[in-house]
Amino acid sequence: MFKALINRLFPSFVKKKGDINYHYFETSRAEEANSSKNSIDHIQQHLNRNKNNEIIKVSSVIKRTELSSSHSEQFFVYLFGEINTQTLLDPLSDYVSRTIEGLLIYPQDSPQLIFNSLPVLPRSVTTLMSEINTPDFDVNILIEVIKQEPSIAAEVIKLANSAGFQRSDKPVTDLKSAFMAMGSQGLLEGVLYSFLKNFTPKGNVYYKQFGEKIWQHCLKCGAISKLIVLNSEMKEHANTAYFIGLICNLGEMIIFQIMIDAFSHVSPDVQPNSLAFKLMVEKYAKRLSFEIAKYWKLPDPIIRALGLQLKINAETPRNKVLEHNKLGCFIYEANKMSELYVMWQNKLIDQDELELRTDYFLKMSESKQLYTTFMASHQGR
């Protein structure tokens, strides 16, 4: 997805197996400071300007920052493996991180070059988003739109044949049959799943080790968001909640993929420093998700809910935002529930710690009720 963008950022690196061009890498870093005529330097200076058109320093991403809590630290360990926060990034990770950070802060806090590399939002998704909360939404209209999008149709049919939906030994071969197997809700979720799956990197060992965890976290957050809203007075917005839950961590997936693509291009035999991932995701992921939603011109409730993720935390009094952005509060707590679940499941925290953190992060009665139901279903396992 981002190969052309990576080629533009690192044009003089030649991808040769076993040949890591450290000499060029060191030369390029020197040229960044001394010459605006070098191709990489020219791009970097174009990228790394603030709204006053002044050159800015982007090396802040390599500075060690304190993690906001033991919770966030442990969740990053789950996503990216053990992180030695006392160790600086290696020079190559430093260089790649600084270059990519330039993408995320240009222009005027809007990463336009990344937007230009994203897949086009399919008509099936735009149709879905415009009709998702309409009580008399005609699923046949969506089916007709999906038929015109072979890649989405193929993924939906594939999903209908998966263990979670297949209801007979007869395989599903068309969208009408998929609808019969999945129901209207399953079909709606299948469309979103099929589109967002485009953002998962393919064929990379490092992705298989860590990136899959981000994708599964996105899916789980979407599912939990929907369940919370279904048990609230806003149940008619459950499908919207599912979509927001899916994309609220999209920034993490995109940053991960860009860095994977960059290292595959610059140094194919060297794995990225996990601290580089942590710092980049921690600093930019949520804002990137929010900016993408605006770029796609998604409905205002979705943008507002994602915008809240940039400023809400466990200490935020819920009564101050509930009246205007209750959906955003649900998404925040669903995201935390997803994090807590995988950490508990992978034995990063024990039962007592799970209880303490649940009490700290979850303030909404609907979230607490879902957690209680979940724990009751796992008793004795």
Protein backbone atom coordinates (compact mmCIF):
# COMPACT_ATOMS: atom_id res chain seq x y z
CA MET A 1 0.00 0.00 0.00
CA PHE A 2 2.79 2.43 0.91
CA LYS A 3 5.54 1.12 -1.38
CA ALA A 4 5.50 4.16 -3.70
CA LEU A 5 5.60 6.48 -0.71
CA ILE A 6 8.54 4.57 0.80
CA ASN A 7 10.40 4.70 -2.52
CA ARG A 8 9.94 8.44 -2.52
CA LEU A 9 11.21 8.84 1.02
CA PHE A 10 14.21 6.55 0.58
CA PRO A 11 14.93 6.80 -3.17
CA SER A 12 18.62 5.93 -3.09
CA PHE A 13 18.40 2.83 -0.94
CA VAL A 14 18.73 -0.26 -3.12
CA LYS A 15 16.97 -3.33 -1.79
CA LYS A 16 19.47 -6.14 -2.10
CA LYS A 17 19.25 -9.16 0.11
CA GLY A 18 22.21 -9.23 2.45
CA ASP A 19 23.37 -5.77 1.36
CA ILE A 20 22.44 -3.15 3.94
CA ASN A 21 23.54 0.20 2.67
CA TYR A 22 24.84 1.65 5.93
CA HIS A 23 27.32 3.84 4.05
CA TYR A 24 24.49 5.54 2.19
CA PHE A 25 22.48 5.77 5.39
CA GLU A 26 25.28 7.59 7.22
CA THR A 27 25.99 9.81 4.20
CA SER A 28 22.32 10.72 3.89
CA ARG A 29 22.13 11.76 7.51
CA ALA A 30 25.09 14.08 7.02
CA GLU A 31 23.63 15.48 3.84
CA GLU A 32 20.35 16.24 5.59
CA ALA A 33 22.24 18.70 7.74
CA ASN A 34 24.50 20.14 5.02
CA SER A 35 22.70 20.14 1.69
CA SER A 36 19.18 20.94 0.52
CA LYS A 37 19.94 19.66 -2.96
CA ASN A 38 20.16 16.00 -2.06
CA SER A 39 16.98 14.13 -3.07
CA ILE A 40 16.20 12.78 0.37
CA ASP A 41 17.14 16.06 2.01
CA HIS A 42 14.82 17.92 -0.37
CA ILE A 43 11.91 15.67 0.57
CA GLN A 44 12.72 15.86 4.26
CA GLN A 45 12.86 19.65 4.23
CA HIS A 46 9.56 19.68 2.34
CA LEU A 47 8.00 17.41 4.92
CA ASN A 48 9.50 18.80 8.07
CA ARG A 49 8.04 22.29 8.19
CA ASN A 50 5.50 23.65 10.59
CA LYS A 51 2.53 25.89 9.76
CA ASN A 52 4.83 28.94 9.84
CA ASN A 53 6.95 27.33 7.12
CA GLU A 54 9.89 26.98 9.51
CA ILE A 55 12.15 23.94 9.55
CA ILE A 56 11.26 21.83 12.58
CA LYS A 57 13.16 19.16 14.42
CA VAL A 58 11.49 15.76 14.30
CA SER A 59 14.01 13.78 16.30
CA SER A 60 11.74 13.98 19.37
CA VAL A 61 10.37 10.57 18.46
CA ILE A 62 13.65 8.97 19.54
CA LYS A 63 13.61 10.57 22.96
CA ARG A 64 12.72 8.23 25.76
CA THR A 65 9.39 9.22 27.26
CA GLU A 66 7.76 7.98 30.40
CA LEU A 67 4.90 5.61 29.77
CA SER A 68 1.63 6.97 31.08
CA SER A 69 1.06 3.90 33.28
CA SER A 70 2.05 0.31 33.82
CA HIS A 71 -1.04 -0.57 31.80
CA SER A 72 0.11 1.16 28.62
CA GLU A 73 3.63 -0.18 29.11
CA GLN A 74 2.40 -3.76 29.40
CA PHE A 75 0.07 -3.40 26.43
CA PHE A 76 2.94 -2.18 24.25
CA VAL A 77 4.93 -5.21 25.40
CA TYR A 78 2.05 -7.39 24.26
CA LEU A 79 1.94 -5.65 20.85
CA PHE A 80 5.66 -5.32 20.11
CA GLY A 81 7.55 -7.55 22.52
CA GLU A 82 9.87 -6.58 25.34
CA ILE A 83 10.96 -2.95 25.21
CA ASN A 84 14.08 -1.75 26.99
CA THR A 85 13.16 1.85 27.71
CA GLN A 86 16.65 2.51 29.00
CA THR A 87 18.17 1.85 25.58
CA LEU A 88 18.26 4.40 22.79
CA LEU A 89 17.13 3.42 19.31
CA ASP A 90 19.79 2.02 17.04
CA PRO A 91 20.94 4.57 14.41
CA LEU A 92 19.02 2.93 11.57
CA SER A 93 15.74 2.86 13.54
CA ASP A 94 16.42 6.45 14.54
CA TYR A 95 16.83 7.48 10.91
CA VAL A 96 13.72 5.65 9.68
CA SER A 97 11.66 6.96 12.60
CA ARG A 98 12.64 10.57 11.98
CA THR A 99 11.84 10.27 8.29
CA ILE A 100 8.41 8.73 8.90
CA GLU A 101 7.63 11.26 11.60
CA GLY A 102 7.96 13.89 8.92
CA LEU A 103 5.02 12.26 7.12
CA LEU A 104 2.87 12.41 10.21
CA ILE A 105 3.30 16.10 10.91
CA TYR A 106 3.05 17.57 7.40
CA PRO A 107 1.38 19.74 6.27
CA GLN A 108 -0.14 21.73 9.09
CA ASP A 109 -0.67 18.66 11.26
CA SER A 110 -2.35 16.74 8.42
CA PRO A 111 -0.45 13.74 6.97
CA GLN A 112 -1.61 14.32 3.39
CA LEU A 113 1.00 12.09 1.74
CA ILE A 114 -0.26 9.14 3.78
CA PHE A 115 -3.85 9.93 2.85
CA ASN A 116 -2.94 9.86 -0.82
CA SER A 117 -1.63 6.31 -0.41
CA LEU A 118 -4.74 4.92 1.30
CA PRO A 119 -7.18 2.65 -0.53
CA VAL A 120 -10.18 4.49 -1.94
CA LEU A 121 -13.21 4.20 0.30
CA PRO A 122 -15.49 1.75 -1.59
CA ARG A 123 -19.01 2.75 -2.52
CA SER A 124 -20.31 -0.15 -0.45
CA VAL A 125 -18.78 1.40 2.67
CA THR A 126 -20.05 4.91 1.88
CA THR A 127 -23.51 3.47 1.20
CA LEU A 128 -23.33 1.57 4.46
CA MET A 129 -22.27 4.61 6.46
CA SER A 130 -25.06 6.78 5.03
CA GLU A 131 -27.73 4.18 5.79
CA ILE A 132 -26.30 2.34 8.78
CA ASN A 133 -28.75 3.74 11.35
CA THR A 134 -31.79 3.95 9.07
CA PRO A 135 -34.51 1.67 10.53
CA ASP A 136 -35.85 0.67 7.08
CA PHE A 137 -32.42 0.23 5.47
CA ASP A 138 -32.82 -2.02 2.41
CA VAL A 139 -30.03 -4.60 2.50
CA ASN A 140 -30.74 -5.42 -1.16
CA ILE A 141 -29.40 -1.99 -2.09
CA LEU A 142 -26.14 -2.79 -0.33
CA ILE A 143 -25.96 -6.19 -2.04
CA GLU A 144 -26.33 -4.58 -5.45
CA VAL A 145 -23.51 -2.15 -4.62
CA ILE A 146 -21.24 -4.93 -3.35
CA LYS A 147 -21.75 -6.82 -6.60
CA GLN A 148 -19.96 -4.00 -8.39
CA GLU A 149 -16.92 -4.38 -6.10
CA PRO A 150 -15.38 -7.81 -6.75
CA SER A 151 -12.75 -7.66 -4.02
CA ILE A 152 -15.29 -6.76 -1.31
CA ALA A 153 -17.76 -9.34 -2.63
CA ALA A 154 -15.11 -12.07 -2.59
CA GLU A 155 -14.12 -11.29 0.99
CA VAL A 156 -17.75 -11.22 2.16
CA ILE A 157 -18.43 -14.60 0.56
CA LYS A 158 -15.24 -15.98 2.08
CA LEU A 159 -16.33 -14.70 5.49
CA ALA A 160 -19.79 -16.27 5.04
CA ASN A 161 -18.06 -19.63 4.53
CA SER A 162 -16.04 -19.28 7.72
CA ALA A 163 -16.78 -21.30 10.84
CA GLY A 164 -18.47 -18.35 12.51
CA PHE A 165 -21.23 -18.10 9.90
CA GLN A 166 -21.49 -21.31 7.91
CA ARG A 167 -24.79 -23.00 8.70
CA SER A 168 -24.75 -25.94 6.30
CA ASP A 169 -22.42 -28.18 4.36
CA LYS A 170 -23.35 -26.36 1.16
CA PRO A 171 -20.78 -23.64 0.40
CA VAL A 172 -21.87 -20.01 -0.01
CA THR A 173 -21.15 -18.89 -3.57
CA ASP A 174 -23.10 -15.63 -3.99
CA LEU A 175 -24.04 -12.55 -2.01
CA LYS A 176 -27.69 -13.51 -1.59
CA SER A 177 -26.61 -16.76 0.04
CA ALA A 178 -24.09 -14.83 2.11
CA PHE A 179 -26.90 -12.62 3.37
CA MET A 180 -28.96 -15.69 4.28
CA ALA A 181 -26.00 -17.12 6.20
CA MET A 182 -24.84 -13.94 7.88
CA GLY A 183 -28.01 -11.91 8.31
CA SER A 184 -28.14 -8.17 7.74
CA GLN A 185 -25.86 -7.39 10.69
CA GLY A 186 -23.31 -9.96 9.61
CA LEU A 187 -23.35 -8.60 6.08
CA LEU A 188 -22.81 -5.04 7.27
CA GLU A 189 -19.92 -6.11 9.48
CA GLY A 190 -18.51 -8.23 6.67
CA VAL A 191 -18.30 -5.20 4.36
CA LEU A 192 -16.39 -3.19 6.96
CA TYR A 193 -14.15 -6.14 7.83
CA SER A 194 -13.35 -6.74 4.17
CA PHE A 195 -12.34 -3.12 3.54
CA LEU A 196 -10.29 -2.62 6.68
CA LYS A 197 -8.44 -5.88 6.12
CA ASN A 198 -6.69 -4.03 3.27
CA PHE A 199 -4.66 -2.23 5.93
CA THR A 200 -2.99 -5.35 7.27
CA PRO A 201 0.56 -5.94 5.96
CA LYS A 202 1.07 -9.16 4.04
CA GLY A 203 3.90 -11.65 3.84
CA ASN A 204 6.11 -10.21 6.55
CA VAL A 205 7.51 -12.30 9.38
CA TYR A 206 7.57 -9.33 11.74
CA TYR A 207 3.91 -8.64 10.94
CA LYS A 208 2.96 -12.24 11.69
CA GLN A 209 4.71 -11.93 15.03
CA PHE A 210 3.29 -8.57 16.12
CA GLY A 211 1.09 -6.88 13.50
CA GLU A 212 -1.59 -9.55 13.70
CA LYS A 213 -2.10 -8.56 17.34
CA ILE A 214 -2.99 -5.00 16.32
CA TRP A 215 -5.51 -6.29 13.77
CA GLN A 216 -7.12 -8.63 16.31
CA HIS A 217 -7.26 -5.76 18.79
CA CYS A 218 -9.12 -3.69 16.18
CA LEU A 219 -11.64 -6.49 15.64
CA LYS A 220 -12.15 -7.07 19.35
CA CYS A 221 -12.58 -3.36 20.05
CA GLY A 222 -15.24 -3.19 17.33
CA ALA A 223 -17.11 -6.18 18.75
CA ILE A 224 -16.99 -4.87 22.34
CA SER A 225 -18.07 -1.38 21.25
CA LYS A 226 -21.12 -2.86 19.57
CA LEU A 227 -22.02 -4.98 22.61
CA ILE A 228 -21.77 -2.04 25.00
CA VAL A 229 -23.97 0.17 22.83
CA LEU A 230 -26.50 -2.64 22.27
CA ASN A 231 -27.02 -2.68 26.03
CA SER A 232 -27.54 1.06 26.24
CA GLU A 233 -30.27 3.52 25.35
CA MET A 234 -28.32 4.17 22.14
CA LYS A 235 -28.77 0.64 20.78
CA GLU A 236 -29.81 1.96 17.36
CA HIS A 237 -26.20 3.18 17.00
CA ALA A 238 -24.66 -0.26 17.58
CA ASN A 239 -23.49 -0.61 13.97
CA THR A 240 -21.88 2.82 14.08
CA ALA A 241 -20.16 1.84 17.33
CA TYR A 242 -18.81 -1.30 15.66
CA PHE A 243 -17.31 0.76 12.84
CA ILE A 244 -15.75 3.31 15.20
CA GLY A 245 -14.35 0.54 17.35
CA LEU A 246 -12.74 -1.00 14.28
CA ILE A 247 -11.06 2.18 13.07
CA CYS A 248 -10.13 3.83 16.38
CA ASN A 249 -6.86 1.84 16.30
CA LEU A 250 -6.37 2.12 12.54
CA GLY A 251 -3.57 4.62 13.11
CA GLU A 252 -1.57 1.93 14.90
CA MET A 253 -1.96 -0.43 11.98
CA ILE A 254 -0.94 2.18 9.41
CA ILE A 255 2.12 3.36 11.34
CA PHE A 256 3.15 -0.25 11.82
CA GLN A 257 2.78 -0.99 8.11
CA ILE A 258 4.68 2.11 7.01
CA MET A 259 7.57 1.23 9.30
CA ILE A 260 7.56 -2.40 8.14
CA ASP A 261 7.61 -1.25 4.50
CA ALA A 262 10.40 1.22 5.27
CA PHE A 263 12.64 -1.35 6.91
CA SER A 264 11.94 -3.88 4.17
CA HIS A 265 13.15 -1.28 1.67
CA VAL A 266 16.05 0.22 3.61
CA SER A 267 17.37 -2.80 5.45
CA PRO A 268 15.54 -6.04 4.62
CA ASP A 269 17.62 -8.21 6.96
CA VAL A 270 17.26 -6.02 10.05
CA GLN A 271 14.17 -6.01 12.26
CA PRO A 272 12.86 -2.64 13.47
CA ASN A 273 13.65 -1.60 17.01
CA SER A 274 10.46 -2.19 19.03
CA LEU A 275 11.04 1.05 20.89
CA ALA A 276 10.65 2.85 17.56
CA PHE A 277 7.18 1.35 17.14
CA LYS A 278 6.15 2.18 20.67
CA LEU A 279 7.18 5.81 20.52
CA MET A 280 5.64 6.41 17.10
CA VAL A 281 2.34 4.71 17.96
CA GLU A 282 2.12 6.39 21.34
CA LYS A 283 2.63 9.82 19.84
CA TYR A 284 0.65 9.71 16.59
CA ALA A 285 -1.70 6.72 16.27
CA LYS A 286 -4.92 8.16 17.71
CA ARG A 287 -4.54 11.45 15.88
CA LEU A 288 -3.90 9.60 12.62
CA SER A 289 -7.13 7.61 13.06
CA PHE A 290 -8.99 10.86 13.66
CA GLU A 291 -7.43 12.59 10.64
CA ILE A 292 -8.25 9.63 8.38
CA ALA A 293 -11.90 9.78 9.44
CA LYS A 294 -11.98 13.46 8.48
CA TYR A 295 -10.22 12.74 5.20
CA TRP A 296 -12.83 10.09 4.36
CA LYS A 297 -15.56 12.60 5.30
CA LEU A 298 -17.25 10.14 7.62
CA PRO A 299 -20.42 11.20 9.45
CA ASP A 300 -19.97 13.75 12.22
CA PRO A 301 -20.82 11.39 15.14
CA ILE A 302 -17.94 9.15 14.05
CA ILE A 303 -15.47 12.02 13.78
CA ARG A 304 -16.52 13.44 17.16
CA ALA A 305 -16.20 10.03 18.85
CA LEU A 306 -12.71 9.58 17.42
CA GLY A 307 -11.79 13.14 18.35
CA LEU A 308 -12.64 12.40 21.97
CA GLN A 309 -10.06 9.59 22.00
CA LEU A 310 -7.35 12.26 21.68
CA LYS A 311 -8.15 13.78 25.06
CA ILE A 312 -10.14 11.37 27.21
CA ASN A 313 -8.44 9.29 29.90
CA ALA A 314 -9.42 7.32 32.95
CA GLU A 315 -9.57 10.49 35.06
CA THR A 316 -11.89 12.40 32.71
CA PRO A 317 -15.24 13.02 34.47
CA ARG A 318 -17.71 11.21 32.26
CA ASN A 319 -20.58 13.53 33.16
CA LYS A 320 -18.76 16.39 31.40
CA VAL A 321 -18.82 14.65 28.03
CA LEU A 322 -21.77 12.24 28.22
CA GLU A 323 -24.36 14.76 27.07
CA HIS A 324 -22.49 15.61 23.88
CA ASN A 325 -20.36 12.54 23.16
CA LYS A 326 -21.61 9.47 24.99
CA LEU A 327 -20.70 7.33 22.00
CA GLY A 328 -17.08 8.47 22.30
CA CYS A 329 -17.05 7.44 25.97
CA PHE A 330 -18.32 3.99 25.04
CA ILE A 331 -15.57 3.62 22.44
CA TYR A 332 -12.86 4.64 24.92
CA GLU A 333 -14.01 2.09 27.47
CA ALA A 334 -14.46 -0.62 24.84
CA ASN A 335 -10.87 -0.05 23.75
CA LYS A 336 -9.67 -0.39 27.33
CA MET A 337 -11.73 -3.56 27.79
CA SER A 338 -10.12 -5.03 24.70
CA GLU A 339 -6.65 -4.18 26.03
CA LEU A 340 -7.45 -5.63 29.45
CA TYR A 341 -8.87 -8.80 27.96
CA VAL A 342 -5.79 -9.67 25.87
CA MET A 343 -3.44 -8.80 28.72
CA TRP A 344 -5.36 -11.03 31.12
CA GLN A 345 -5.70 -13.78 28.50
CA ASN A 346 -1.93 -13.70 27.88
CA LYS A 347 -1.18 -13.69 31.62
CA LEU A 348 0.40 -10.25 31.63
CA ILE A 349 -1.91 -9.37 34.52
CA ASP A 350 -3.61 -11.63 37.05
CA GLN A 351 -7.24 -11.66 38.16
CA ASP A 352 -6.70 -9.19 41.00
CA GLU A 353 -4.93 -6.72 38.72
CA LEU A 354 -7.67 -7.13 36.12
CA GLU A 355 -10.26 -6.18 38.73
CA LEU A 356 -8.28 -3.13 39.85
CA ARG A 357 -7.75 -1.83 36.33
CA THR A 358 -11.33 -2.50 35.30
CA ASP A 359 -12.53 -0.42 38.23
CA TYR A 360 -10.09 2.33 37.24
CA PHE A 361 -10.85 2.51 33.51
CA LEU A 362 -14.55 1.62 33.31
CA LYS A 363 -16.94 4.28 34.59
CA MET A 364 -20.03 3.64 32.41
CA SER A 365 -22.65 1.29 33.84
CA GLU A 366 -23.06 -0.42 30.44
CA SER A 367 -19.34 -1.19 30.29
CA LYS A 368 -19.29 -2.53 33.84
CA GLN A 369 -22.30 -4.72 33.12
CA LEU A 370 -20.65 -6.21 30.04
CA TYR A 371 -17.49 -6.90 32.05
CA THR A 372 -19.52 -8.61 34.78
CA THR A 373 -21.27 -10.77 32.17
CA PHE A 374 -17.96 -11.63 30.57
CA MET A 375 -16.34 -12.70 33.83
CA ALA A 376 -19.37 -14.75 34.81
CA SER A 377 -19.10 -16.66 31.52
CA HIS A 378 -15.42 -17.41 32.21
CA GLN A 379 -15.80 -18.63 35.77
CA GLY A 380 -14.42 -22.10 36.22
CA ARG A 381 -12.63 -22.19 32.85
